[in-house]
All heavy atoms as atom14 arrays in JSON, in Angstrom:
{
  "sequence": "DAGTTLEHTLTLLAFLAVAVVALVFDKNIGFAAITAAVVLSILTPK",
  "atom14_mask": [
    [1, 1, 1, 1, 1, 1, 1, 1, 0, 0, 0, 0, 0, 0],
    [1, 1, 1, 1, 1, 0, 0, 0, 0, 0, 0, 0, 0, 0],
    [1, 1, 1, 1, 0, 0, 0, 0, 0, 0, 0, 0, 0, 0],
    [1, 1, 1, 1, 1, 1, 1, 0, 0, 0, 0, 0, 0, 0],
    [1, 1, 1, 1, 1, 1, 1, 0, 0, 0, 0, 0, 0, 0],
    [1, 1, 1, 1, 1, 1, 1, 1, 0, 0, 0, 0, 0, 0],
    [1, 1, 1, 1, 1, 1, 1, 1, 1, 0, 0, 0, 0, 0],
    [1, 1, 1, 1, 1, 1, 1, 1, 1, 1, 0, 0, 0, 0],
    [1, 1, 1, 1, 1, 1, 1, 0, 0, 0, 0, 0, 0, 0],
    [1, 1, 1, 1, 1, 1, 1, 1, 0, 0, 0, 0, 0, 0],
    [1, 1, 1, 1, 1, 1, 1, 0, 0, 0, 0, 0, 0, 0],
    [1, 1, 1, 1, 1, 1, 1, 1, 0, 0, 0, 0, 0, 0],
    [1, 1, 1, 1, 1, 1, 1, 1, 0, 0, 0, 0, 0, 0],
    [1, 1, 1, 1, 1, 0, 0, 0, 0, 0, 0, 0, 0, 0],
    [1, 1, 1, 1, 1, 1, 1, 1, 1, 1, 1, 0, 0, 0],
    [1, 1, 1, 1, 1, 1, 1, 1, 0, 0, 0, 0, 0, 0],
    [1, 1, 1, 1, 1, 0, 0, 0, 0, 0, 0, 0, 0, 0],
    [1, 1, 1, 1, 1, 1, 1, 0, 0, 0, 0, 0, 0, 0],
    [1, 1, 1, 1, 1, 0, 0, 0, 0, 0, 0, 0, 0, 0],
    [1, 1, 1, 1, 1, 1, 1, 0, 0, 0, 0, 0, 0, 0],
    [1, 1, 1, 1, 1, 1, 1, 0, 0, 0, 0, 0, 0, 0],
    [1, 1, 1, 1, 1, 0, 0, 0, 0, 0, 0, 0, 0, 0],
    [1, 1, 1, 1, 1, 1, 1, 1, 0, 0, 0, 0, 0, 0],
    [1, 1, 1, 1, 1, 1, 1, 0, 0, 0, 0, 0, 0, 0],
    [1, 1, 1, 1, 1, 1, 1, 1, 1, 1, 1, 0, 0, 0],
    [1, 1, 1, 1, 1, 1, 1, 1, 0, 0, 0, 0, 0, 0],
    [1, 1, 1, 1, 1, 1, 1, 1, 1, 0, 0, 0, 0, 0],
    [1, 1, 1, 1, 1, 1, 1, 1, 0, 0, 0, 0, 0, 0],
    [1, 1, 1, 1, 1, 1, 1, 1, 0, 0, 0, 0, 0, 0],
    [1, 1, 1, 1, 0, 0, 0, 0, 0, 0, 0, 0, 0, 0],
    [1, 1, 1, 1, 1, 1, 1, 1, 1, 1, 1, 0, 0, 0],
    [1, 1, 1, 1, 1, 0, 0, 0, 0, 0, 0, 0, 0, 0],
    [1, 1, 1, 1, 1, 0, 0, 0, 0, 0, 0, 0, 0, 0],
    [1, 1, 1, 1, 1, 1, 1, 1, 0, 0, 0, 0, 0, 0],
    [1, 1, 1, 1, 1, 1, 1, 0, 0, 0, 0, 0, 0, 0],
    [1, 1, 1, 1, 1, 0, 0, 0, 0, 0, 0, 0, 0, 0],
    [1, 1, 1, 1, 1, 0, 0, 0, 0, 0, 0, 0, 0, 0],
    [1, 1, 1, 1, 1, 1, 1, 0, 0, 0, 0, 0, 0, 0],
    [1, 1, 1, 1, 1, 1, 1, 0, 0, 0, 0, 0, 0, 0],
    [1, 1, 1, 1, 1, 1, 1, 1, 0, 0, 0, 0, 0, 0],
    [1, 1, 1, 1, 1, 1, 0, 0, 0, 0, 0, 0, 0, 0],
    [1, 1, 1, 1, 1, 1, 1, 1, 0, 0, 0, 0, 0, 0],
    [1, 1, 1, 1, 1, 1, 1, 1, 0, 0, 0, 0, 0, 0],
    [1, 1, 1, 1, 1, 1, 1, 0, 0, 0, 0, 0, 0, 0],
    [1, 1, 1, 1, 1, 1, 1, 0, 0, 0, 0, 0, 0, 0],
    [1, 1, 1, 1, 1, 1, 1, 1, 1, 0, 0, 0, 0, 0]
  ],
  "atom14_positions": [
    [[-11.67, 17.06, 5.41], [-11.25, 15.9, 6.18], [-10.22, 15.04, 5.43], [-9.97, 13.91, 5.8], [-12.47, 15.03, 6.53], [-13.46, 15.78, 7.41], [-12.99, 16.57, 8.26], [-14.67, 15.59, 7.23], [0.0, 0.0, 0.0], [0.0, 0.0, 0.0], [0.0, 0.0, 0.0], [0.0, 0.0, 0.0], [0.0, 0.0, 0.0], [0.0, 0.0, 0.0]],
    [[-9.66, 15.6, 4.35], [-8.71, 14.81, 3.56], [-7.43, 14.6, 4.33], [-7.07, 15.38, 5.22], [-8.42, 15.53, 2.24], [0.0, 0.0, 0.0], [0.0, 0.0, 0.0], [0.0, 0.0, 0.0], [0.0, 0.0, 0.0], [0.0, 0.0, 0.0], [0.0, 0.0, 0.0], [0.0, 0.0, 0.0], [0.0, 0.0, 0.0], [0.0, 0.0, 0.0]],
    [[-6.71, 13.53, 3.97], [-5.45, 13.24, 4.63], [-4.35, 14.18, 4.18], [-4.54, 15.05, 3.33], [0.0, 0.0, 0.0], [0.0, 0.0, 0.0], [0.0, 0.0, 0.0], [0.0, 0.0, 0.0], [0.0, 0.0, 0.0], [0.0, 0.0, 0.0], [0.0, 0.0, 0.0], [0.0, 0.0, 0.0], [0.0, 0.0, 0.0], [0.0, 0.0, 0.0]],
    [[-3.19, 13.98, 4.72], [-2.05, 14.84, 4.38], [-1.46, 14.41, 3.04], [-1.76, 13.33, 2.51], [-0.97, 14.73, 5.46], [-0.46, 13.38, 5.48], [-1.54, 15.07, 6.84], [0.0, 0.0, 0.0], [0.0, 0.0, 0.0], [0.0, 0.0, 0.0], [0.0, 0.0, 0.0], [0.0, 0.0, 0.0], [0.0, 0.0, 0.0], [0.0, 0.0, 0.0]],
    [[-0.63, 15.28, 2.5], [0.05, 14.95, 1.25], [0.9, 13.7, 1.4], [0.98, 12.87, 0.49], [0.94, 16.13, 0.81], [0.12, 17.3, 0.64], [1.66, 15.82, -0.49], [0.0, 0.0, 0.0], [0.0, 0.0, 0.0], [0.0, 0.0, 0.0], [0.0, 0.0, 0.0], [0.0, 0.0, 0.0], [0.0, 0.0, 0.0], [0.0, 0.0, 0.0]],
    [[1.53, 13.55, 2.57], [2.34, 12.36, 2.82], [1.48, 11.11, 2.78], [1.88, 10.09, 2.19], [3.04, 12.48, 4.17], [3.88, 11.26, 4.6], [5.0, 11.02, 3.59], [4.45, 11.48, 6.01], [0.0, 0.0, 0.0], [0.0, 0.0, 0.0], [0.0, 0.0, 0.0], [0.0, 0.0, 0.0], [0.0, 0.0, 0.0], [0.0, 0.0, 0.0]],
    [[0.29, 11.16, 3.39], [-0.6, 9.99, 3.38], [-1.04, 9.66, 1.96], [-1.09, 8.48, 1.57], [-1.82, 10.26, 4.26], [-1.51, 10.25, 5.76], [-2.72, 10.6, 6.59], [-3.49, 11.5, 6.21], [-2.92, 9.96, 7.63], [0.0, 0.0, 0.0], [0.0, 0.0, 0.0], [0.0, 0.0, 0.0], [0.0, 0.0, 0.0], [0.0, 0.0, 0.0]],
    [[-1.36, 10.69, 1.18], [-1.74, 10.45, -0.21], [-0.6, 9.8, -0.98], [-0.81, 8.84, -1.74], [-2.14, 11.77, -0.89], [-3.33, 12.41, -0.29], [-3.64, 13.75, -0.45], [-4.33, 11.91, 0.49], [-4.75, 14.04, 0.19], [-5.19, 12.94, 0.77], [0.0, 0.0, 0.0], [0.0, 0.0, 0.0], [0.0, 0.0, 0.0], [0.0, 0.0, 0.0]],
    [[0.59, 10.33, -0.8], [1.76, 9.8, -1.52], [2.03, 8.35, -1.14], [2.26, 7.5, -2.0], [3.0, 10.65, -1.22], [2.75, 12.02, -1.6], [4.21, 10.14, -1.97], [0.0, 0.0, 0.0], [0.0, 0.0, 0.0], [0.0, 0.0, 0.0], [0.0, 0.0, 0.0], [0.0, 0.0, 0.0], [0.0, 0.0, 0.0], [0.0, 0.0, 0.0]],
    [[1.99, 8.07, 0.16], [2.24, 6.71, 0.62], [1.18, 5.74, 0.1], [1.49, 4.6, -0.27], [2.28, 6.67, 2.15], [3.48, 7.36, 2.82], [3.31, 7.38, 4.34], [4.77, 6.65, 2.44], [0.0, 0.0, 0.0], [0.0, 0.0, 0.0], [0.0, 0.0, 0.0], [0.0, 0.0, 0.0], [0.0, 0.0, 0.0], [0.0, 0.0, 0.0]],
    [[-0.08, 6.2, 0.06], [-1.15, 5.33, -0.42], [-1.0, 5.03, -1.91], [-1.17, 3.89, -2.34], [-2.53, 5.97, -0.15], [-2.65, 6.25, 1.26], [-3.65, 5.03, -0.56], [0.0, 0.0, 0.0], [0.0, 0.0, 0.0], [0.0, 0.0, 0.0], [0.0, 0.0, 0.0], [0.0, 0.0, 0.0], [0.0, 0.0, 0.0], [0.0, 0.0, 0.0]],
    [[-0.69, 6.06, -2.68], [-0.48, 5.84, -4.12], [0.72, 4.93, -4.37], [0.68, 4.06, -5.26], [-0.29, 7.18, -4.82], [-1.53, 8.1, -4.87], [-1.15, 9.46, -5.44], [-2.62, 7.46, -5.71], [0.0, 0.0, 0.0], [0.0, 0.0, 0.0], [0.0, 0.0, 0.0], [0.0, 0.0, 0.0], [0.0, 0.0, 0.0], [0.0, 0.0, 0.0]],
    [[1.77, 5.1, -3.58], [2.94, 4.22, -3.7], [2.58, 2.79, -3.3], [3.09, 1.83, -3.89], [4.08, 4.74, -2.82], [4.78, 6.02, -3.31], [5.81, 6.48, -2.28], [5.45, 5.77, -4.66], [0.0, 0.0, 0.0], [0.0, 0.0, 0.0], [0.0, 0.0, 0.0], [0.0, 0.0, 0.0], [0.0, 0.0, 0.0], [0.0, 0.0, 0.0]],
    [[1.69, 2.65, -2.31], [1.26, 1.31, -1.89], [0.52, 0.6, -3.02], [0.75, -0.59, -3.29], [0.36, 1.42, -0.65], [0.0, 0.0, 0.0], [0.0, 0.0, 0.0], [0.0, 0.0, 0.0], [0.0, 0.0, 0.0], [0.0, 0.0, 0.0], [0.0, 0.0, 0.0], [0.0, 0.0, 0.0], [0.0, 0.0, 0.0], [0.0, 0.0, 0.0]],
    [[-0.38, 1.33, -3.71], [-1.08, 0.73, -4.85], [-0.1, 0.34, -5.95], [-0.22, -0.73, -6.55], [-2.12, 1.7, -5.4], [-3.42, 1.69, -4.65], [-3.85, 2.8, -3.94], [-4.23, 0.57, -4.65], [-5.04, 2.8, -3.25], [-5.43, 0.54, -3.96], [-5.84, 1.66, -3.26], [0.0, 0.0, 0.0], [0.0, 0.0, 0.0], [0.0, 0.0, 0.0]],
    [[0.86, 1.21, -6.21], [1.85, 0.91, -7.24], [2.67, -0.32, -6.85], [2.93, -1.2, -7.69], [2.78, 2.12, -7.44], [3.92, 1.94, -8.44], [3.35, 1.66, -9.83], [4.8, 3.19, -8.46], [0.0, 0.0, 0.0], [0.0, 0.0, 0.0], [0.0, 0.0, 0.0], [0.0, 0.0, 0.0], [0.0, 0.0, 0.0], [0.0, 0.0, 0.0]],
    [[3.06, -0.4, -5.58], [3.85, -1.54, -5.11], [3.07, -2.85, -5.23], [3.61, -3.88, -5.64], [4.29, -1.31, -3.67], [0.0, 0.0, 0.0], [0.0, 0.0, 0.0], [0.0, 0.0, 0.0], [0.0, 0.0, 0.0], [0.0, 0.0, 0.0], [0.0, 0.0, 0.0], [0.0, 0.0, 0.0], [0.0, 0.0, 0.0], [0.0, 0.0, 0.0]],
    [[1.79, -2.8, -4.88], [0.96, -4.01, -4.98], [0.87, -4.46, -6.43], [0.98, -5.66, -6.73], [-0.45, -3.74, -4.4], [-1.39, -4.89, -4.74], [-0.38, -3.55, -2.9], [0.0, 0.0, 0.0], [0.0, 0.0, 0.0], [0.0, 0.0, 0.0], [0.0, 0.0, 0.0], [0.0, 0.0, 0.0], [0.0, 0.0, 0.0], [0.0, 0.0, 0.0]],
    [[0.67, -3.51, -7.33], [0.57, -3.86, -8.75], [1.87, -4.48, -9.25], [1.86, -5.48, -9.98], [0.23, -2.62, -9.57], [0.0, 0.0, 0.0], [0.0, 0.0, 0.0], [0.0, 0.0, 0.0], [0.0, 0.0, 0.0], [0.0, 0.0, 0.0], [0.0, 0.0, 0.0], [0.0, 0.0, 0.0], [0.0, 0.0, 0.0], [0.0, 0.0, 0.0]],
    [[3.0, -3.91, -8.84], [4.3, -4.43, -9.29], [4.55, -5.83, -8.73], [4.97, -6.74, -9.45], [5.44, -3.47, -8.88], [6.81, -4.11, -9.12], [5.32, -2.17, -9.65], [0.0, 0.0, 0.0], [0.0, 0.0, 0.0], [0.0, 0.0, 0.0], [0.0, 0.0, 0.0], [0.0, 0.0, 0.0], [0.0, 0.0, 0.0], [0.0, 0.0, 0.0]],
    [[4.29, -5.98, -7.44], [4.52, -7.28, -6.79], [3.65, -8.36, -7.41], [4.1, -9.49, -7.66], [4.27, -7.19, -5.28], [4.25, -8.57, -4.64], [5.34, -6.33, -4.61], [0.0, 0.0, 0.0], [0.0, 0.0, 0.0], [0.0, 0.0, 0.0], [0.0, 0.0, 0.0], [0.0, 0.0, 0.0], [0.0, 0.0, 0.0], [0.0, 0.0, 0.0]],
    [[2.39, -8.02, -7.69], [1.46, -9.01, -8.22], [1.7, -9.32, -9.7], [1.65, -10.48, -10.11], [0.02, -8.54, -8.01], [0.0, 0.0, 0.0], [0.0, 0.0, 0.0], [0.0, 0.0, 0.0], [0.0, 0.0, 0.0], [0.0, 0.0, 0.0], [0.0, 0.0, 0.0], [0.0, 0.0, 0.0], [0.0, 0.0, 0.0], [0.0, 0.0, 0.0]],
    [[1.96, -8.27, -10.5], [2.04, -8.47, -11.94], [3.46, -8.77, -12.42], [3.64, -9.61, -13.3], [1.5, -7.22, -12.66], [0.04, -6.87, -12.37], [-0.36, -5.61, -13.12], [-0.87, -8.02, -12.76], [0.0, 0.0, 0.0], [0.0, 0.0, 0.0], [0.0, 0.0, 0.0], [0.0, 0.0, 0.0], [0.0, 0.0, 0.0], [0.0, 0.0, 0.0]],
    [[4.44, -8.08, -11.86], [5.81, -8.27, -12.32], [6.45, -9.48, -11.67], [7.09, -10.31, -12.33], [6.65, -7.01, -12.06], [8.11, -7.24, -12.49], [6.06, -5.81, -12.79], [0.0, 0.0, 0.0], [0.0, 0.0, 0.0], [0.0, 0.0, 0.0], [0.0, 0.0, 0.0], [0.0, 0.0, 0.0], [0.0, 0.0, 0.0], [0.0, 0.0, 0.0]],
    [[6.26, -9.62, -10.35], [6.89, -10.72, -9.62], [5.97, -11.92, -9.42], [6.36, -12.92, -8.81], [7.4, -10.23, -8.26], [8.48, -9.2, -8.38], [8.19, -7.85, -8.26], [9.79, -9.57, -8.64], [9.18, -6.89, -8.37], [10.8, -8.62, -8.75], [10.5, -7.27, -8.62], [0.0, 0.0, 0.0], [0.0, 0.0, 0.0], [0.0, 0.0, 0.0]],
    [[4.73, -11.81, -9.91], [3.77, -12.92, -9.89], [3.54, -13.46, -8.49], [3.49, -14.67, -8.26], [4.25, -14.04, -10.81], [3.14, -15.04, -11.13], [1.97, -14.65, -11.07], [3.46, -16.21, -11.41], [0.0, 0.0, 0.0], [0.0, 0.0, 0.0], [0.0, 0.0, 0.0], [0.0, 0.0, 0.0], [0.0, 0.0, 0.0], [0.0, 0.0, 0.0]],
    [[3.37, -12.56, -7.53], [3.07, -12.95, -6.16], [1.57, -12.81, -5.89], [0.86, -12.12, -6.61], [3.87, -12.1, -5.16], [5.39, -12.25, -5.31], [5.85, -13.67, -5.07], [7.37, -13.78, -5.19], [7.85, -15.18, -5.01], [0.0, 0.0, 0.0], [0.0, 0.0, 0.0], [0.0, 0.0, 0.0], [0.0, 0.0, 0.0], [0.0, 0.0, 0.0]],
    [[1.12, -13.44, -4.83], [-0.3, -13.44, -4.49], [-0.77, -12.01, -4.2], [-0.25, -11.33, -3.33], [-0.54, -14.34, -3.28], [-2.0, -14.46, -2.94], [-2.59, -13.55, -2.38], [-2.59, -15.6, -3.28], [0.0, 0.0, 0.0], [0.0, 0.0, 0.0], [0.0, 0.0, 0.0], [0.0, 0.0, 0.0], [0.0, 0.0, 0.0], [0.0, 0.0, 0.0]],
    [[-1.8, -11.58, -4.95], [-2.31, -10.22, -4.8], [-2.92, -9.98, -3.43], [-2.84, -8.89, -2.87], [-3.34, -9.92, -5.91], [-3.88, -8.5, -5.8], [-4.48, -10.91, -5.88], [-2.88, -7.44, -6.05], [0.0, 0.0, 0.0], [0.0, 0.0, 0.0], [0.0, 0.0, 0.0], [0.0, 0.0, 0.0], [0.0, 0.0, 0.0], [0.0, 0.0, 0.0]],
    [[-3.52, -11.02, -2.85], [-4.12, -10.87, -1.52], [-3.08, -10.59, -0.46], [-3.24, -9.68, 0.36], [0.0, 0.0, 0.0], [0.0, 0.0, 0.0], [0.0, 0.0, 0.0], [0.0, 0.0, 0.0], [0.0, 0.0, 0.0], [0.0, 0.0, 0.0], [0.0, 0.0, 0.0], [0.0, 0.0, 0.0], [0.0, 0.0, 0.0], [0.0, 0.0, 0.0]],
    [[-1.99, -11.36, -0.47], [-0.91, -11.12, 0.49], [-0.28, -9.74, 0.28], [0.02, -9.03, 1.24], [0.16, -12.21, 0.36], [-0.17, -13.48, 1.08], [-0.26, -14.68, 0.4], [-0.4, -13.48, 2.45], [-0.57, -15.86, 1.06], [-0.71, -14.65, 3.13], [-0.8, -15.84, 2.43], [0.0, 0.0, 0.0], [0.0, 0.0, 0.0], [0.0, 0.0, 0.0]],
    [[-0.1, -9.36, -0.99], [0.52, -8.07, -1.28], [-0.35, -6.92, -0.8], [0.14, -5.96, -0.19], [0.79, -7.95, -2.78], [0.0, 0.0, 0.0], [0.0, 0.0, 0.0], [0.0, 0.0, 0.0], [0.0, 0.0, 0.0], [0.0, 0.0, 0.0], [0.0, 0.0, 0.0], [0.0, 0.0, 0.0], [0.0, 0.0, 0.0], [0.0, 0.0, 0.0]],
    [[-1.65, -7.0, -1.07], [-2.56, -5.92, -0.7], [-2.7, -5.78, 0.81], [-2.67, -4.67, 1.36], [-3.93, -6.14, -1.34], [0.0, 0.0, 0.0], [0.0, 0.0, 0.0], [0.0, 0.0, 0.0], [0.0, 0.0, 0.0], [0.0, 0.0, 0.0], [0.0, 0.0, 0.0], [0.0, 0.0, 0.0], [0.0, 0.0, 0.0], [0.0, 0.0, 0.0]],
    [[-2.85, -6.92, 1.49], [-3.03, -6.83, 2.94], [-1.74, -6.4, 3.62], [-1.76, -5.7, 4.65], [-3.56, -8.16, 3.51], [-4.26, -7.91, 4.86], [-2.46, -9.2, 3.66], [-5.07, -9.08, 5.34], [0.0, 0.0, 0.0], [0.0, 0.0, 0.0], [0.0, 0.0, 0.0], [0.0, 0.0, 0.0], [0.0, 0.0, 0.0], [0.0, 0.0, 0.0]],
    [[-0.59, -6.76, 3.04], [0.69, -6.29, 3.57], [0.8, -4.77, 3.43], [1.22, -4.08, 4.36], [1.86, -6.97, 2.85], [1.78, -8.39, 3.04], [3.2, -6.46, 3.38], [0.0, 0.0, 0.0], [0.0, 0.0, 0.0], [0.0, 0.0, 0.0], [0.0, 0.0, 0.0], [0.0, 0.0, 0.0], [0.0, 0.0, 0.0], [0.0, 0.0, 0.0]],
    [[0.42, -4.25, 2.26], [0.46, -2.8, 2.04], [-0.47, -2.08, 3.01], [-0.12, -1.03, 3.56], [0.08, -2.49, 0.6], [0.0, 0.0, 0.0], [0.0, 0.0, 0.0], [0.0, 0.0, 0.0], [0.0, 0.0, 0.0], [0.0, 0.0, 0.0], [0.0, 0.0, 0.0], [0.0, 0.0, 0.0], [0.0, 0.0, 0.0], [0.0, 0.0, 0.0]],
    [[-1.67, -2.65, 3.23], [-2.61, -2.03, 4.16], [-2.07, -2.03, 5.58], [-2.21, -1.05, 6.32], [-3.95, -2.77, 4.09], [0.0, 0.0, 0.0], [0.0, 0.0, 0.0], [0.0, 0.0, 0.0], [0.0, 0.0, 0.0], [0.0, 0.0, 0.0], [0.0, 0.0, 0.0], [0.0, 0.0, 0.0], [0.0, 0.0, 0.0], [0.0, 0.0, 0.0]],
    [[-1.45, -3.12, 5.99], [-0.88, -3.21, 7.33], [0.27, -2.22, 7.5], [0.39, -1.55, 8.54], [-0.42, -4.65, 7.62], [0.43, -4.69, 8.9], [-1.61, -5.57, 7.77], [0.0, 0.0, 0.0], [0.0, 0.0, 0.0], [0.0, 0.0, 0.0], [0.0, 0.0, 0.0], [0.0, 0.0, 0.0], [0.0, 0.0, 0.0], [0.0, 0.0, 0.0]],
    [[1.12, -2.09, 6.49], [2.24, -1.14, 6.56], [1.7, 0.28, 6.72], [2.2, 1.06, 7.55], [3.13, -1.27, 5.31], [4.12, -0.11, 5.26], [3.86, -2.59, 5.31], [0.0, 0.0, 0.0], [0.0, 0.0, 0.0], [0.0, 0.0, 0.0], [0.0, 0.0, 0.0], [0.0, 0.0, 0.0], [0.0, 0.0, 0.0], [0.0, 0.0, 0.0]],
    [[0.7, 0.65, 5.92], [0.11, 1.99, 6.05], [-0.51, 2.19, 7.43], [-0.41, 3.27, 8.01], [-0.96, 2.19, 4.96], [-0.46, 2.3, 3.53], [-1.63, 2.36, 2.56], [0.42, 3.54, 3.36], [0.0, 0.0, 0.0], [0.0, 0.0, 0.0], [0.0, 0.0, 0.0], [0.0, 0.0, 0.0], [0.0, 0.0, 0.0], [0.0, 0.0, 0.0]],
    [[-1.13, 1.14, 7.96], [-1.74, 1.23, 9.29], [-0.68, 1.39, 10.37], [-0.89, 2.1, 11.36], [-2.59, -0.01, 9.56], [-3.65, -0.12, 8.64], [0.0, 0.0, 0.0], [0.0, 0.0, 0.0], [0.0, 0.0, 0.0], [0.0, 0.0, 0.0], [0.0, 0.0, 0.0], [0.0, 0.0, 0.0], [0.0, 0.0, 0.0], [0.0, 0.0, 0.0]],
    [[0.46, 0.74, 10.21], [1.54, 0.87, 11.18], [2.11, 2.29, 11.16], [2.42, 2.86, 12.21], [2.65, -0.16, 10.88], [2.14, -1.57, 11.2], [3.92, 0.14, 11.68], [3.11, -2.67, 10.8], [0.0, 0.0, 0.0], [0.0, 0.0, 0.0], [0.0, 0.0, 0.0], [0.0, 0.0, 0.0], [0.0, 0.0, 0.0], [0.0, 0.0, 0.0]],
    [[2.22, 2.87, 9.96], [2.78, 4.22, 9.84], [1.85, 5.27, 10.47], [2.32, 6.27, 11.01], [3.02, 4.55, 8.37], [4.1, 3.72, 7.67], [4.15, 4.05, 6.19], [5.46, 3.96, 8.33], [0.0, 0.0, 0.0], [0.0, 0.0, 0.0], [0.0, 0.0, 0.0], [0.0, 0.0, 0.0], [0.0, 0.0, 0.0], [0.0, 0.0, 0.0]],
    [[0.53, 5.03, 10.39], [-0.44, 5.96, 10.98], [-1.5, 5.16, 11.72], [-2.66, 5.08, 11.29], [-1.09, 6.83, 9.89], [-0.11, 7.25, 8.95], [-1.75, 8.07, 10.5], [0.0, 0.0, 0.0], [0.0, 0.0, 0.0], [0.0, 0.0, 0.0], [0.0, 0.0, 0.0], [0.0, 0.0, 0.0], [0.0, 0.0, 0.0], [0.0, 0.0, 0.0]],
    [[-1.15, 4.56, 12.86], [-2.06, 3.63, 13.53], [-3.36, 4.26, 14.01], [-4.43, 3.63, 13.91], [-1.22, 3.1, 14.71], [-0.16, 4.15, 14.92], [0.14, 4.71, 13.57], [0.0, 0.0, 0.0], [0.0, 0.0, 0.0], [0.0, 0.0, 0.0], [0.0, 0.0, 0.0], [0.0, 0.0, 0.0], [0.0, 0.0, 0.0], [0.0, 0.0, 0.0]],
    [[-3.32, 5.47, 14.52], [-4.54, 6.08, 15.04], [-5.52, 6.43, 13.93], [-6.73, 6.35, 14.11], [-4.19, 7.33, 15.85], [-3.44, 7.04, 17.14], [-3.2, 8.31, 17.94], [-2.48, 8.0, 19.24], [-2.23, 9.24, 20.05], [0.0, 0.0, 0.0], [0.0, 0.0, 0.0], [0.0, 0.0, 0.0], [0.0, 0.0, 0.0], [0.0, 0.0, 0.0]]
  ]
}
């Protein structure tokens, strides 16, 4: 039942992006994480 390689790649990139936004750019981790989750949900809504 695992996701596709594309889904895995996008999810790993989302985690990396959240870490960069929060640690490097000093932005709110909550906003960054929920934004990443929403973007992933938009890409694969069902």
